[in-house]
Amino acid sequence: MELPFELIKYHKRLTKYNWKKGGLDMCNFEETYEKYITSSKCELCSKIFKNSKDRHMEHNNTTGKFRNIVCTKCNKLKSDNKIYSNNTSGYTGIHTHIDKKCKQGFTWEFRVNINGKSRFIKSSIDLDFLIKFADKWNLENNYHT
């Protein structure tokens, strides 16, 4: 079944708006959009997309440069995912956690995404210590994509 031209045009305009708002680089929009619409499987793990909500535009969150069209799981595994809103450390994976037992009222918590699920690794009241620990842990566990 072919969709009406006006519906296609609207979807394209809405997609461009959302991608731009999400920080994607719009240099090759036409080419990227066509690739996105016609993709039927993840470019990293080859999982077949069941519907359009399974597809994600995997891109560098700092530069906005498009990399791949991937499934939800592969998108969450990327190490440069956006930082949590409660992250005032500026370090991906380290954020504050309210802890009333602690004198300062919070601790720093280091979490990583493994197989699409957030996993607690370590917490500390010392941010510098936790950043060093996280760097070492990431290196030892080859945690980068």
Protein backbone atom coordinates (compact mmCIF):
# COMPACT_ATOMS: atom_id res chain seq x y z
CA MET A 1 0.00 0.00 0.00
CA GLU A 2 1.42 3.34 -1.07
CA LEU A 3 1.04 6.29 1.30
CA PRO A 4 -0.41 9.60 0.05
CA PHE A 5 2.19 12.15 -1.02
CA GLU A 6 1.03 14.73 1.57
CA LEU A 7 1.49 12.20 4.40
CA ILE A 8 5.00 11.35 3.21
CA LYS A 9 5.85 15.05 2.92
CA TYR A 10 4.52 15.71 6.44
CA HIS A 11 6.47 12.76 7.91
CA LYS A 12 9.67 13.95 6.25
CA ARG A 13 9.23 17.51 7.56
CA LEU A 14 8.43 16.26 11.08
CA THR A 15 11.41 13.88 11.03
CA LYS A 16 13.76 16.67 9.94
CA TYR A 17 12.46 18.90 12.74
CA ASN A 18 12.90 16.16 15.39
CA TRP A 19 16.38 15.19 14.23
CA LYS A 20 17.50 18.81 14.20
CA LYS A 21 16.04 19.31 17.69
CA GLY A 22 17.87 16.14 18.83
CA GLY A 23 21.20 17.57 17.67
CA LEU A 24 21.74 15.60 14.45
CA ASP A 25 23.85 17.13 11.71
CA MET A 26 21.53 17.97 8.78
CA CYS A 27 24.21 18.04 6.02
CA ASN A 28 23.03 14.84 4.24
CA PHE A 29 19.40 14.81 5.40
CA GLU A 30 17.87 13.47 2.16
CA GLU A 31 20.32 10.55 1.93
CA THR A 32 20.09 9.75 5.65
CA TYR A 33 16.28 9.97 5.66
CA GLU A 34 16.01 7.58 2.71
CA LYS A 35 18.35 5.13 4.46
CA TYR A 36 16.34 5.44 7.69
CA ILE A 37 12.98 4.82 5.99
CA THR A 38 14.18 1.80 4.01
CA SER A 39 16.19 0.12 6.80
CA SER A 40 14.79 -3.21 7.87
CA LYS A 41 17.47 -4.35 10.32
CA CYS A 42 20.05 -3.02 12.79
CA GLU A 43 23.39 -2.21 11.16
CA LEU A 44 25.32 -3.45 14.20
CA CYS A 45 23.58 -6.64 15.39
CA SER A 46 21.32 -7.40 12.37
CA LYS A 47 18.14 -7.54 14.50
CA ILE A 48 15.10 -7.14 12.23
CA PHE A 49 12.95 -4.08 13.02
CA LYS A 50 9.36 -5.06 13.83
CA ASN A 51 8.11 -1.48 13.54
CA SER A 52 9.43 2.05 13.06
CA LYS A 53 9.84 2.58 16.83
CA ASP A 54 12.59 -0.06 16.87
CA ARG A 55 14.82 2.11 14.64
CA HIS A 56 17.14 4.75 16.07
CA MET A 57 19.48 7.27 14.50
CA GLU A 58 22.76 6.44 16.21
CA HIS A 59 24.92 9.54 16.17
CA ASN A 60 27.71 11.25 18.05
CA ASN A 61 25.92 13.27 20.74
CA THR A 62 28.71 15.84 20.83
CA THR A 63 29.12 16.59 17.11
CA GLY A 64 25.73 15.43 15.81
CA LYS A 65 27.39 13.33 13.09
CA PHE A 66 25.22 10.39 11.95
CA ARG A 67 26.81 6.91 12.29
CA ASN A 68 24.25 4.10 11.94
CA ILE A 69 20.61 3.07 12.03
CA VAL A 70 20.37 0.74 14.99
CA CYS A 71 17.98 -1.05 17.35
CA THR A 72 17.19 0.27 20.84
CA LYS A 73 19.64 -2.10 22.54
CA CYS A 74 22.60 -1.13 20.34
CA ASN A 75 21.76 2.57 20.70
CA LYS A 76 21.83 2.31 24.51
CA LEU A 77 25.20 0.54 24.43
CA LYS A 78 26.98 3.50 22.87
CA SER A 79 29.40 5.08 25.32
CA ASP A 80 28.61 8.68 24.32
CA ASN A 81 24.92 8.47 25.21
CA LYS A 82 23.51 11.65 26.67
CA ILE A 83 24.37 12.28 30.29
CA TYR A 84 21.64 11.81 32.93
CA SER A 85 19.84 15.01 33.92
CA ASN A 86 21.06 14.57 37.52
CA ASN A 87 24.65 14.32 36.30
CA THR A 88 26.52 17.39 37.44
CA SER A 89 29.88 15.62 37.19
CA GLY A 90 30.11 16.06 33.40
CA TYR A 91 31.28 12.45 33.15
CA THR A 92 29.10 9.91 31.34
CA GLY A 93 27.78 7.30 33.77
CA ILE A 94 28.48 9.23 36.99
CA HIS A 95 25.61 11.08 38.62
CA THR A 96 24.37 12.09 42.04
CA HIS A 97 22.27 9.82 44.20
CA ILE A 98 20.38 11.24 47.20
CA ASP A 99 21.62 9.61 50.40
CA LYS A 100 20.39 11.10 53.68
CA LYS A 101 22.79 8.90 55.68
CA CYS A 102 25.71 10.73 54.06
CA LYS A 103 26.88 14.02 55.62
CA GLN A 104 26.68 15.94 52.32
CA GLY A 105 23.22 14.51 51.50
CA PHE A 106 24.23 12.65 48.33
CA THR A 107 26.80 10.26 46.91
CA TRP A 108 28.23 9.94 43.43
CA GLU A 109 27.10 6.81 41.62
CA PHE A 110 28.79 5.09 38.66
CA ARG A 111 26.46 3.15 36.33
CA VAL A 112 26.90 1.59 32.89
CA ASN A 113 24.53 0.20 30.29
CA ILE A 114 25.13 -3.51 29.72
CA ASN A 115 22.91 -5.29 27.20
CA GLY A 116 20.54 -2.33 27.24
CA LYS A 117 20.11 -2.33 31.04
CA SER A 118 21.53 0.13 33.52
CA ARG A 119 23.89 -1.60 35.98
CA PHE A 120 25.21 -0.11 39.23
CA ILE A 121 29.01 -0.45 39.56
CA LYS A 122 30.22 1.71 42.48
CA SER A 123 29.38 4.76 44.59
CA SER A 124 31.55 7.19 46.51
CA ILE A 125 31.42 10.59 48.19
CA ASP A 126 34.67 11.51 46.38
CA LEU A 127 34.00 12.47 42.75
CA ASP A 128 37.67 12.47 41.68
CA PHE A 129 38.15 8.97 43.09
CA LEU A 130 35.04 7.71 41.28
CA ILE A 131 36.11 9.23 37.95
CA LYS A 132 39.51 7.51 38.22
CA PHE A 133 37.78 4.28 39.17
CA ALA A 134 35.34 4.58 36.23
CA ASP A 135 38.20 5.22 33.76
CA LYS A 136 40.06 2.18 35.06
CA TRP A 137 36.90 0.04 35.05
CA ASN A 138 36.03 1.08 31.48
CA LEU A 139 39.54 0.21 30.32
CA GLU A 140 39.73 -3.15 32.14
CA ASN A 141 36.29 -4.21 30.93
CA ASN A 142 36.82 -2.91 27.39
CA TYR A 143 33.66 -0.83 27.85
CA HIS A 144 33.54 1.35 24.80
CA THR A 145 31.88 1.16 21.41
